[in-house]
Amino acid sequence: MKNLSAVLFIILLFMAACSKKETHGFEGEQEVKMNYDTTAVDSFSNGATSIDIVRKIRMSSQKYQDSLVQAKKLQDEETKLKAELEKENKKKQEEEKKKADAEKKQKETASPAAENKTQ
């Protein structure tokens, strides 16, 4: 009987020691959710970038944006120059046509006069 009570005591002791313990009133384990528009990133965690790298990225992106604006301006200037050249070429062609028509008219008017003289 002494052995049976000792074994029963040891079994109860193991059951009490191995049972899951819940801590009540400890607020450190409770998850606190804050509603922020950004998430905090630890400087040593994955995805964290240093201040210098962020500054370089911003500068390069600003330079990139500036280069895009400059390229667009150059392209607009080129199209304007091409349009002006086309207008000038059209004007020159029209003037040449007018001169050619005027020369033809002069030849036509001169040729009947020359025919009249020869006849």
Protein backbone atom coordinates (compact mmCIF):
# COMPACT_ATOMS: atom_id res chain seq x y z
CA MET A 1 0.00 0.00 0.00
CA LYS A 2 2.88 2.28 0.73
CA ASN A 3 4.27 1.53 -2.75
CA LEU A 4 0.90 2.10 -4.38
CA SER A 5 0.47 5.47 -2.73
CA ALA A 6 4.04 6.44 -3.66
CA VAL A 7 3.48 5.46 -7.32
CA LEU A 8 0.17 7.34 -7.38
CA PHE A 9 1.89 10.39 -5.90
CA ILE A 10 4.66 10.27 -8.53
CA ILE A 11 2.14 9.90 -11.38
CA LEU A 12 0.15 12.91 -10.12
CA LEU A 13 3.39 14.85 -9.77
CA PHE A 14 4.36 14.07 -13.43
CA MET A 15 0.89 14.99 -14.65
CA ALA A 16 1.04 18.32 -12.86
CA ALA A 17 4.57 19.05 -14.09
CA CYS A 18 3.88 18.14 -17.74
CA SER A 19 0.54 19.86 -18.06
CA LYS A 20 0.24 22.98 -20.22
CA LYS A 21 0.60 26.07 -18.11
CA GLU A 22 -1.33 29.20 -18.95
CA THR A 23 -0.24 32.52 -17.61
CA HIS A 24 -3.09 34.81 -16.78
CA GLY A 25 -2.72 38.53 -16.47
CA PHE A 26 0.54 38.72 -18.45
CA GLU A 27 -0.03 41.38 -21.11
CA GLY A 28 3.29 40.99 -22.93
CA GLU A 29 2.02 38.11 -25.04
CA GLN A 30 -1.08 39.92 -26.23
CA GLU A 31 -0.76 41.18 -29.76
CA VAL A 32 -1.33 44.88 -30.17
CA LYS A 33 -2.44 45.96 -33.64
CA MET A 34 -1.89 49.54 -34.66
CA ASN A 35 -3.26 50.92 -37.88
CA TYR A 36 -0.42 52.71 -39.65
CA ASP A 37 -0.04 53.54 -43.31
CA THR A 38 3.55 52.30 -43.25
CA THR A 39 5.27 49.37 -41.66
CA ALA A 40 8.34 49.68 -39.52
CA VAL A 41 11.36 47.83 -40.84
CA ASP A 42 14.24 46.95 -38.59
CA SER A 43 17.55 48.11 -40.01
CA PHE A 44 18.93 44.57 -39.85
CA SER A 45 15.90 42.74 -41.22
CA ASN A 46 15.36 41.52 -44.76
CA GLY A 47 14.34 44.29 -47.10
CA ALA A 48 15.88 47.07 -45.02
CA THR A 49 17.94 49.64 -46.91
CA SER A 50 20.40 52.14 -45.58
CA ILE A 51 19.81 55.88 -45.81
CA ASP A 52 22.61 56.31 -48.34
CA ILE A 53 21.15 53.69 -50.66
CA VAL A 54 17.69 55.23 -50.42
CA ARG A 55 19.16 58.65 -51.24
CA LYS A 56 20.99 57.21 -54.25
CA ILE A 57 17.82 55.54 -55.47
CA ARG A 58 15.87 58.78 -55.17
CA MET A 59 18.59 60.75 -56.91
CA SER A 60 18.85 58.25 -59.72
CA SER A 61 15.12 58.17 -60.16
CA GLN A 62 15.02 61.99 -60.28
CA LYS A 63 17.84 61.94 -62.83
CA TYR A 64 15.94 59.35 -64.80
CA GLN A 65 12.80 61.47 -64.74
CA ASP A 66 14.81 64.52 -65.80
CA SER A 67 16.40 62.59 -68.64
CA LEU A 68 12.95 61.45 -69.81
CA VAL A 69 11.71 65.03 -69.83
CA GLN A 70 14.80 66.17 -71.70
CA ALA A 71 14.47 63.36 -74.25
CA LYS A 72 10.84 64.30 -74.84
CA LYS A 73 11.80 67.94 -75.34
CA LEU A 74 14.47 66.94 -77.86
CA GLN A 75 12.00 64.74 -79.69
CA ASP A 76 9.45 67.57 -79.82
CA GLU A 77 12.09 69.95 -81.16
CA GLU A 78 13.08 67.43 -83.82
CA THR A 79 9.48 67.01 -84.94
CA LYS A 80 9.04 70.80 -85.07
CA LEU A 81 12.21 71.16 -87.14
CA LYS A 82 11.09 68.40 -89.49
CA ALA A 83 7.70 70.06 -89.90
CA GLU A 84 9.36 73.42 -90.65
CA LEU A 85 11.70 71.79 -93.17
CA GLU A 86 8.77 70.11 -94.88
CA LYS A 87 6.93 73.45 -95.09
CA GLU A 88 10.00 75.13 -96.54
CA ASN A 89 10.46 72.31 -99.07
CA LYS A 90 6.81 72.59 -100.09
CA LYS A 91 7.16 76.35 -100.53
CA LYS A 92 10.29 75.88 -102.63
CA GLN A 93 8.58 73.26 -104.78
CA GLU A 94 5.59 75.54 -105.29
CA GLU A 95 7.87 78.42 -106.24
CA GLU A 96 9.76 76.17 -108.67
CA LYS A 97 6.46 75.03 -110.18
CA LYS A 98 5.35 78.63 -110.54
CA LYS A 99 8.65 79.55 -112.19
CA ALA A 100 8.41 76.56 -114.49
CA ASP A 101 4.81 77.47 -115.39
CA ALA A 102 5.85 81.07 -115.99
CA GLU A 103 8.72 79.94 -118.23
CA LYS A 104 6.38 77.65 -120.16
CA LYS A 105 3.93 80.51 -120.64
CA GLN A 106 6.74 82.76 -121.79
CA LYS A 107 7.92 80.11 -124.22
CA GLU A 108 4.37 79.61 -125.46
CA THR A 109 3.85 83.33 -125.91
CA ALA A 110 7.29 83.67 -127.44
CA SER A 111 6.88 80.72 -129.78
CA PRO A 112 3.71 82.03 -131.52
CA ALA A 113 5.41 85.39 -131.90
CA ALA A 114 8.44 83.65 -133.38
CA GLU A 115 6.16 81.66 -135.68
CA ASN A 116 4.48 84.84 -136.82
CA LYS A 117 7.85 86.38 -137.64
CA THR A 118 8.97 83.36 -139.61
CA GLN A 119 5.79 83.18 -141.56
